[in-house]
Amino acid sequence: MARQGWRGWDFSGATFTAALRHKDAAYAVALAESLLSDAPLMGRAAVQAYSRAKAYAADDDEGKMIEIVSRSKGAI
């Protein structure tokens, strides 16, 4: 679990990394696409967000994703 210290948030000891959440989101979208007639747009957005986080910090805590996706395009 992330803790806030005097240097900011501490994401050491992460259990759920961006790479793992990306995999989970991709599986969920694949399942939804196989079961639903409409495309799961929010699910695809989640996959894209986790893909962006994974490209930047695949092994960091998922909480760090908030920092990454909150940046404007081109800031990474």
PDB file of N, CA and C in Angstrom:
ATOM      1  N   MET A   1       0.841  -1.170   0.000  1.00  0.00           N
ATOM      2  CA  MET A   1       0.000   0.000   0.000  1.00  0.00           C
ATOM      3  C   MET A   1       0.892   1.242   0.000  1.00  0.00           C
ATOM      4  N   ALA A   2       0.520   2.226  -0.765  1.00  0.00           N
ATOM      5  CA  ALA A   2       1.298   3.457  -0.857  1.00  0.00           C
ATOM      6  C   ALA A   2       1.158   4.268   0.422  1.00  0.00           C
ATOM      7  N   ARG A   3       2.277   4.862   0.806  1.00  0.00           N
ATOM      8  CA  ARG A   3       2.291   5.730   1.985  1.00  0.00           C
ATOM      9  C   ARG A   3       2.815   7.092   1.568  1.00  0.00           C
ATOM     10  N   GLN A   4       2.306   8.117   2.192  1.00  0.00           N
ATOM     11  CA  GLN A   4       2.794   9.457   1.894  1.00  0.00           C
ATOM     12  C   GLN A   4       3.820   9.858   2.929  1.00  0.00           C
ATOM     13  N   GLY A   5       4.978  10.235   2.447  1.00  0.00           N
ATOM     14  CA  GLY A   5       6.050  10.703   3.321  1.00  0.00           C
ATOM     15  C   GLY A   5       6.444  12.112   2.938  1.00  0.00           C
ATOM     16  N   TRP A   6       7.521  12.592   3.524  1.00  0.00           N
ATOM     17  CA  TRP A   6       7.937  13.960   3.254  1.00  0.00           C
ATOM     18  C   TRP A   6       8.431  14.136   1.826  1.00  0.00           C
ATOM     19  N   ARG A   7       8.780  13.056   1.119  1.00  0.00           N
ATOM     20  CA  ARG A   7       9.222  13.147  -0.275  1.00  0.00           C
ATOM     21  C   ARG A   7       8.106  12.848  -1.257  1.00  0.00           C
ATOM     22  N   GLY A   8       6.914  12.663  -0.780  1.00  0.00           N
ATOM     23  CA  GLY A   8       5.793  12.318  -1.658  1.00  0.00           C
ATOM     24  C   GLY A   8       5.313  10.912  -1.376  1.00  0.00           C
ATOM     25  N   TRP A   9       4.666  10.326  -2.340  1.00  0.00           N
ATOM     26  CA  TRP A   9       4.112   8.983  -2.164  1.00  0.00           C
ATOM     27  C   TRP A   9       5.187   7.934  -2.337  1.00  0.00           C
ATOM     28  N   ASP A  10       5.156   6.904  -1.492  1.00  0.00           N
ATOM     29  CA  ASP A  10       6.098   5.791  -1.549  1.00  0.00           C
ATOM     30  C   ASP A  10       5.364   4.585  -2.121  1.00  0.00           C
ATOM     31  N   PHE A  11       5.773   4.165  -3.305  1.00  0.00           N
ATOM     32  CA  PHE A  11       5.114   3.050  -3.976  1.00  0.00           C
ATOM     33  C   PHE A  11       5.938   1.764  -3.897  1.00  0.00           C
ATOM     34  N   SER A  12       6.911   1.707  -3.019  1.00  0.00           N
ATOM     35  CA  SER A  12       7.727   0.500  -2.893  1.00  0.00           C
ATOM     36  C   SER A  12       6.890  -0.640  -2.330  1.00  0.00           C
ATOM     37  N   GLY A  13       7.257  -1.849  -2.673  1.00  0.00           N
ATOM     38  CA  GLY A  13       6.533  -3.017  -2.196  1.00  0.00           C
ATOM     39  C   GLY A  13       5.181  -3.184  -2.866  1.00  0.00           C
ATOM     40  N   ALA A  14       5.067  -2.739  -4.094  1.00  0.00           N
ATOM     41  CA  ALA A  14       3.792  -2.806  -4.813  1.00  0.00           C
ATOM     42  C   ALA A  14       3.338  -4.243  -5.009  1.00  0.00           C
ATOM     43  N   THR A  15       2.053  -4.454  -4.872  1.00  0.00           N
ATOM     44  CA  THR A  15       1.472  -5.768  -5.101  1.00  0.00           C
ATOM     45  C   THR A  15       0.823  -5.847  -6.477  1.00  0.00           C
ATOM     46  N   PHE A  16       0.131  -4.792  -6.866  1.00  0.00           N
ATOM     47  CA  PHE A  16      -0.553  -4.764  -8.151  1.00  0.00           C
ATOM     48  C   PHE A  16       0.124  -3.744  -9.048  1.00  0.00           C
ATOM     49  N   THR A  17       0.913  -4.242  -9.989  1.00  0.00           N
ATOM     50  CA  THR A  17       1.667  -3.361 -10.870  1.00  0.00           C
ATOM     51  C   THR A  17       0.822  -2.947 -12.068  1.00  0.00           C
ATOM     52  N   ALA A  18       1.286  -1.944 -12.767  1.00  0.00           N
ATOM     53  CA  ALA A  18       0.604  -1.492 -13.988  1.00  0.00           C
ATOM     54  C   ALA A  18       0.548  -2.617 -15.017  1.00  0.00           C
ATOM     55  N   ALA A  19       1.605  -3.403 -15.112  1.00  0.00           N
ATOM     56  CA  ALA A  19       1.627  -4.515 -16.069  1.00  0.00           C
ATOM     57  C   ALA A  19       0.551  -5.553 -15.736  1.00  0.00           C
ATOM     58  N   LEU A  20       0.385  -5.855 -14.458  1.00  0.00           N
ATOM     59  CA  LEU A  20      -0.653  -6.821 -14.065  1.00  0.00           C
ATOM     60  C   LEU A  20      -2.053  -6.269 -14.316  1.00  0.00           C
ATOM     61  N   ARG A  21      -2.269  -5.005 -14.002  1.00  0.00           N
ATOM     62  CA  ARG A  21      -3.586  -4.401 -14.236  1.00  0.00           C
ATOM     63  C   ARG A  21      -3.887  -4.301 -15.730  1.00  0.00           C
ATOM     64  N   HIS A  22      -2.858  -4.045 -16.544  1.00  0.00           N
ATOM     65  CA  HIS A  22      -3.046  -4.015 -18.003  1.00  0.00           C
ATOM     66  C   HIS A  22      -3.513  -5.382 -18.488  1.00  0.00           C
ATOM     67  N   LYS A  23      -2.867  -6.433 -17.994  1.00  0.00           N
ATOM     68  CA  LYS A  23      -3.248  -7.799 -18.368  1.00  0.00           C
ATOM     69  C   LYS A  23      -4.683  -8.081 -17.950  1.00  0.00           C
ATOM     70  N   ASP A  24      -5.052  -7.709 -16.744  1.00  0.00           N
ATOM     71  CA  ASP A  24      -6.420  -7.926 -16.260  1.00  0.00           C
ATOM     72  C   ASP A  24      -7.442  -7.182 -17.123  1.00  0.00           C
ATOM     73  N   ALA A  25      -7.137  -5.934 -17.436  1.00  0.00           N
ATOM     74  CA  ALA A  25      -8.057  -5.135 -18.257  1.00  0.00           C
ATOM     75  C   ALA A  25      -8.189  -5.729 -19.657  1.00  0.00           C
ATOM     76  N   ALA A  26      -7.084  -6.177 -20.232  1.00  0.00           N
ATOM     77  CA  ALA A  26      -7.120  -6.773 -21.574  1.00  0.00           C
ATOM     78  C   ALA A  26      -7.961  -8.054 -21.573  1.00  0.00           C
ATOM     79  N   TYR A  27      -7.809  -8.877 -20.545  1.00  0.00           N
ATOM     80  CA  TYR A  27      -8.641 -10.094 -20.437  1.00  0.00           C
ATOM     81  C   TYR A  27     -10.122  -9.728 -20.309  1.00  0.00           C
ATOM     82  N   ALA A  28     -10.417  -8.723 -19.507  1.00  0.00           N
ATOM     83  CA  ALA A  28     -11.812  -8.313 -19.313  1.00  0.00           C
ATOM     84  C   ALA A  28     -12.429  -7.805 -20.618  1.00  0.00           C
ATOM     85  N   VAL A  29     -11.667  -7.036 -21.379  1.00  0.00           N
ATOM     86  CA  VAL A  29     -12.167  -6.531 -22.660  1.00  0.00           C
ATOM     87  C   VAL A  29     -12.389  -7.689 -23.633  1.00  0.00           C
ATOM     88  N   ALA A  30     -11.465  -8.622 -23.687  1.00  0.00           N
ATOM     89  CA  ALA A  30     -11.623  -9.776 -24.582  1.00  0.00           C
ATOM     90  C   ALA A  30     -12.872 -10.576 -24.222  1.00  0.00           C
ATOM     91  N   LEU A  31     -13.112 -10.777 -22.941  1.00  0.00           N
ATOM     92  CA  LEU A  31     -14.313 -11.489 -22.496  1.00  0.00           C
ATOM     93  C   LEU A  31     -15.564 -10.709 -22.864  1.00  0.00           C
ATOM     94  N   ALA A  32     -15.563  -9.414 -22.594  1.00  0.00           N
ATOM     95  CA  ALA A  32     -16.721  -8.580 -22.909  1.00  0.00           C
ATOM     96  C   ALA A  32     -17.007  -8.588 -24.405  1.00  0.00           C
ATOM     97  N   GLU A  33     -15.969  -8.514 -25.213  1.00  0.00           N
ATOM     98  CA  GLU A  33     -16.160  -8.527 -26.669  1.00  0.00           C
ATOM     99  C   GLU A  33     -16.746  -9.851 -27.145  1.00  0.00           C
ATOM    100  N   SER A  34     -16.416 -10.934 -26.440  1.00  0.00           N
ATOM    101  CA  SER A  34     -16.952 -12.241 -26.842  1.00  0.00           C
ATOM    102  C   SER A  34     -18.403 -12.432 -26.400  1.00  0.00           C
ATOM    103  N   LEU A  35     -18.848 -11.665 -25.392  1.00  0.00           N
ATOM    104  CA  LEU A  35     -20.189 -11.845 -24.847  1.00  0.00           C
ATOM    105  C   LEU A  35     -21.189 -10.760 -25.244  1.00  0.00           C
ATOM    106  N   LEU A  36     -20.698  -9.562 -25.563  1.00  0.00           N
ATOM    107  CA  LEU A  36     -21.578  -8.431 -25.820  1.00  0.00           C
ATOM    108  C   LEU A  36     -21.653  -8.091 -27.303  1.00  0.00           C
ATOM    109  N   SER A  37     -22.750  -7.492 -27.688  1.00  0.00           N
ATOM    110  CA  SER A  37     -22.877  -7.076 -29.085  1.00  0.00           C
ATOM    111  C   SER A  37     -22.238  -5.711 -29.317  1.00  0.00           C
ATOM    112  N   ASP A  38     -22.169  -4.868 -28.286  1.00  0.00           N
ATOM    113  CA  ASP A  38     -21.545  -3.551 -28.410  1.00  0.00           C
ATOM    114  C   ASP A  38     -20.121  -3.592 -27.864  1.00  0.00           C
ATOM    115  N   ALA A  39     -19.272  -2.764 -28.446  1.00  0.00           N
ATOM    116  CA  ALA A  39     -17.883  -2.689 -27.990  1.00  0.00           C
ATOM    117  C   ALA A  39     -17.811  -2.097 -26.584  1.00  0.00           C
ATOM    118  N   PRO A  40     -16.988  -2.678 -25.695  1.00  0.00           N
ATOM    119  CA  PRO A  40     -16.832  -2.161 -24.329  1.00  0.00           C
ATOM    120  C   PRO A  40     -15.882  -0.954 -24.324  1.00  0.00           C
ATOM    121  N   LEU A  41     -16.425   0.227 -24.609  1.00  0.00           N
ATOM    122  CA  LEU A  41     -15.585   1.413 -24.769  1.00  0.00           C
ATOM    123  C   LEU A  41     -14.804   1.776 -23.511  1.00  0.00           C
ATOM    124  N   MET A  42     -15.434   1.698 -22.358  1.00  0.00           N
ATOM    125  CA  MET A  42     -14.728   2.025 -21.113  1.00  0.00           C
ATOM    126  C   MET A  42     -13.615   1.025 -20.837  1.00  0.00           C
ATOM    127  N   GLY A  43     -13.874  -0.224 -21.158  1.00  0.00           N
ATOM    128  CA  GLY A  43     -12.841  -1.244 -20.983  1.00  0.00           C
ATOM    129  C   GLY A  43     -11.645  -0.986 -21.872  1.00  0.00           C
ATOM    130  N   ARG A  44     -11.916  -0.598 -23.109  1.00  0.00           N
ATOM    131  CA  ARG A  44     -10.817  -0.280 -24.026  1.00  0.00           C
ATOM    132  C   ARG A  44     -10.043   0.929 -23.537  1.00  0.00           C
ATOM    133  N   ALA A  45     -10.736   1.896 -22.969  1.00  0.00           N
ATOM    134  CA  ALA A  45     -10.056   3.070 -22.414  1.00  0.00           C
ATOM    135  C   ALA A  45      -9.151   2.659 -21.253  1.00  0.00           C
ATOM    136  N   ALA A  46      -9.617   1.731 -20.438  1.00  0.00           N
ATOM    137  CA  ALA A  46      -8.798   1.245 -19.322  1.00  0.00           C
ATOM    138  C   ALA A  46      -7.551   0.536 -19.834  1.00  0.00           C
ATOM    139  N   VAL A  47      -7.705  -0.279 -20.875  1.00  0.00           N
ATOM    140  CA  VAL A  47      -6.552  -0.973 -21.455  1.00  0.00           C
ATOM    141  C   VAL A  47      -5.535   0.045 -21.969  1.00  0.00           C
ATOM    142  N   GLN A  48      -6.014   1.084 -22.632  1.00  0.00           N
ATOM    143  CA  GLN A  48      -5.108   2.115 -23.148  1.00  0.00           C
ATOM    144  C   GLN A  48      -4.404   2.852 -22.006  1.00  0.00           C
ATOM    145  N   ALA A  49      -5.137   3.153 -20.956  1.00  0.00           N
ATOM    146  CA  ALA A  49      -4.534   3.850 -19.817  1.00  0.00           C
ATOM    147  C   ALA A  49      -3.470   2.996 -19.147  1.00  0.00           C
ATOM    148  N   TYR A  50      -3.771   1.719 -18.927  1.00  0.00           N
ATOM    149  CA  TYR A  50      -2.783   0.834 -18.311  1.00  0.00           C
ATOM    150  C   TYR A  50      -1.622   0.561 -19.252  1.00  0.00           C
ATOM    151  N   SER A  51      -1.869   0.554 -20.550  1.00  0.00           N
ATOM    152  CA  SER A  51      -0.784   0.389 -21.514  1.00  0.00           C
ATOM    153  C   SER A  51       0.188   1.559 -21.412  1.00  0.00           C
ATOM    154  N   ARG A  52      -0.342   2.744 -21.268  1.00  0.00           N
ATOM    155  CA  ARG A  52       0.487   3.940 -21.111  1.00  0.00           C
ATOM    156  C   ARG A  52       1.288   3.866 -19.810  1.00  0.00           C
ATOM    157  N   ALA A  53       0.637   3.463 -18.754  1.00  0.00           N
ATOM    158  CA  ALA A  53       1.329   3.329 -17.468  1.00  0.00           C
ATOM    159  C   ALA A  53       2.383   2.234 -17.535  1.00  0.00           C
ATOM    160  N   LYS A  54       2.048   1.138 -18.191  1.00  0.00           N
ATOM    161  CA  LYS A  54       2.976   0.011 -18.311  1.00  0.00           C
ATOM    162  C   LYS A  54       4.214   0.406 -19.113  1.00  0.00           C
ATOM    163  N   ALA A  55       4.026   1.194 -20.157  1.00  0.00           N
ATOM    164  CA  ALA A  55       5.157   1.620 -20.974  1.00  0.00           C
ATOM    165  C   ALA A  55       6.108   2.518 -20.178  1.00  0.00           C
ATOM    166  N   TYR A  56       5.559   3.265 -19.239  1.00  0.00           N
ATOM    167  CA  TYR A  56       6.374   4.188 -18.454  1.00  0.00           C
ATOM    168  C   TYR A  56       6.957   3.533 -17.202  1.00  0.00           C
ATOM    169  N   ALA A  57       6.163   2.732 -16.523  1.00  0.00           N
ATOM    170  CA  ALA A  57       6.589   2.161 -15.240  1.00  0.00           C
ATOM    171  C   ALA A  57       5.867   0.847 -14.992  1.00  0.00           C
ATOM    172  N   ALA A  58       6.230  -0.177 -15.745  1.00  0.00           N
ATOM    173  CA  ALA A  58       5.516  -1.464 -15.709  1.00  0.00           C
ATOM    174  C   ALA A  58       5.499  -2.128 -14.340  1.00  0.00           C
ATOM    175  N   ASP A  59       6.546  -1.955 -13.560  1.00  0.00           N
ATOM    176  CA  ASP A  59       6.646  -2.653 -12.281  1.00  0.00           C
ATOM    177  C   ASP A  59       6.315  -1.785 -11.073  1.00  0.00           C
ATOM    178  N   ASP A  60       5.865  -0.551 -11.321  1.00  0.00           N
ATOM    179  CA  ASP A  60       5.482   0.325 -10.210  1.00  0.00           C
ATOM    180  C   ASP A  60       4.054   0.050  -9.775  1.00  0.00           C
ATOM    181  N   ASP A  61       3.730   0.514  -8.589  1.00  0.00           N
ATOM    182  CA  ASP A  61       2.394   0.342  -8.027  1.00  0.00           C
ATOM    183  C   ASP A  61       1.342   1.001  -8.913  1.00  0.00           C
ATOM    184  N   GLU A  62       0.165   0.411  -8.959  1.00  0.00           N
ATOM    185  CA  GLU A  62      -0.905   0.945  -9.795  1.00  0.00           C
ATOM    186  C   GLU A  62      -1.298   2.365  -9.405  1.00  0.00           C
ATOM    187  N   GLY A  63      -1.065   2.751  -8.176  1.00  0.00           N
ATOM    188  CA  GLY A  63      -1.371   4.112  -7.750  1.00  0.00           C
ATOM    189  C   GLY A  63      -0.559   5.143  -8.513  1.00  0.00           C
ATOM    190  N   LYS A  64       0.606   4.750  -8.964  1.00  0.00           N
ATOM    191  CA  LYS A  64       1.442   5.674  -9.735  1.00  0.00           C
ATOM    192  C   LYS A  64       0.791   5.976 -11.084  1.00  0.00           C
ATOM    193  N   MET A  65      -0.086   5.102 -11.554  1.00  0.00           N
ATOM    194  CA  MET A  65      -0.769   5.327 -12.830  1.00  0.00           C
ATOM    195  C   MET A  65      -1.540   6.638 -12.805  1.00  0.00           C
ATOM    196  N   ILE A  66      -2.076   6.998 -11.665  1.00  0.00           N
ATOM    197  CA  ILE A  66      -2.831   8.245 -11.552  1.00  0.00           C
ATOM    198  C   ILE A  66      -1.934   9.423 -11.923  1.00  0.00           C
ATOM    199  N   GLU A  67      -0.705   9.385 -11.452  1.00  0.00           N
ATOM    200  CA  GLU A  67       0.239  10.436 -11.797  1.00  0.00           C
ATOM    201  C   GLU A  67       0.529  10.451 -13.297  1.00  0.00           C
ATOM    202  N   ILE A  68       0.680   9.282 -13.885  1.00  0.00           N
ATOM    203  CA  ILE A  68       1.067   9.175 -15.293  1.00  0.00           C
ATOM    204  C   ILE A  68      -0.055   9.625 -16.218  1.00  0.00           C
ATOM    205  N   VAL A  69      -1.242   9.092 -16.023  1.00  0.00           N
ATOM    206  CA  VAL A  69      -2.340   9.416 -16.945  1.00  0.00           C
ATOM    207  C   VAL A  69      -2.921  10.796 -16.699  1.00  0.00           C
ATOM    208  N   SER A  70      -2.570  11.415 -15.587  1.00  0.00           N
ATOM    209  CA  SER A  70      -3.042  12.757 -15.315  1.00  0.00           C
ATOM    210  C   SER A  70      -2.244  13.814 -16.088  1.00  0.00           C
ATOM    211  N   ARG A  71      -1.108  13.420 -16.595  1.00  0.00           N
ATOM    212  CA  ARG A  71      -0.275  14.350 -17.350  1.00  0.00           C
ATOM    213  C   ARG A  71      -0.891  14.593 -18.724  1.00  0.00           C
ATOM    214  N   SER A  72      -0.588  15.727 -19.280  1.00  0.00           N
ATOM    215  CA  SER A  72      -1.087  16.016 -20.626  1.00  0.00           C
ATOM    216  C   SER A  72      -0.344  15.167 -21.651  1.00  0.00           C
ATOM    217  N   LYS A  73      -0.944  14.979 -22.821  1.00  0.00           N
ATOM    218  CA  LYS A  73      -0.303  14.196 -23.880  1.00  0.00           C
ATOM    219  C   LYS A  73       1.052  14.802 -24.210  1.00  0.00           C
ATOM    220  N   GLY A  74       2.014  13.922 -24.432  1.00  0.00           N
ATOM    221  CA  GLY A  74       3.341  14.366 -24.798  1.00  0.00           C
ATOM    222  C   GLY A  74       4.222  14.720 -23.616  1.00  0.00           C
ATOM    223  N   ALA A  75       3.695  14.670 -22.412  1.00  0.00           N
ATOM    224  CA  ALA A  75       4.492  15.045 -21.236  1.00  0.00           C
ATOM    225  C   ALA A  75       5.408  13.924 -20.783  1.00  0.00           C
ATOM    226  N   ILE A  76       5.163  12.707 -21.243  1.00  0.00           N
ATOM    227  CA  ILE A  76       5.998  11.570 -20.820  1.00  0.00           C
ATOM    228  C   ILE A  76       7.153  11.442 -21.770  1.00  0.00           C
TER     229      ILE A  76
END
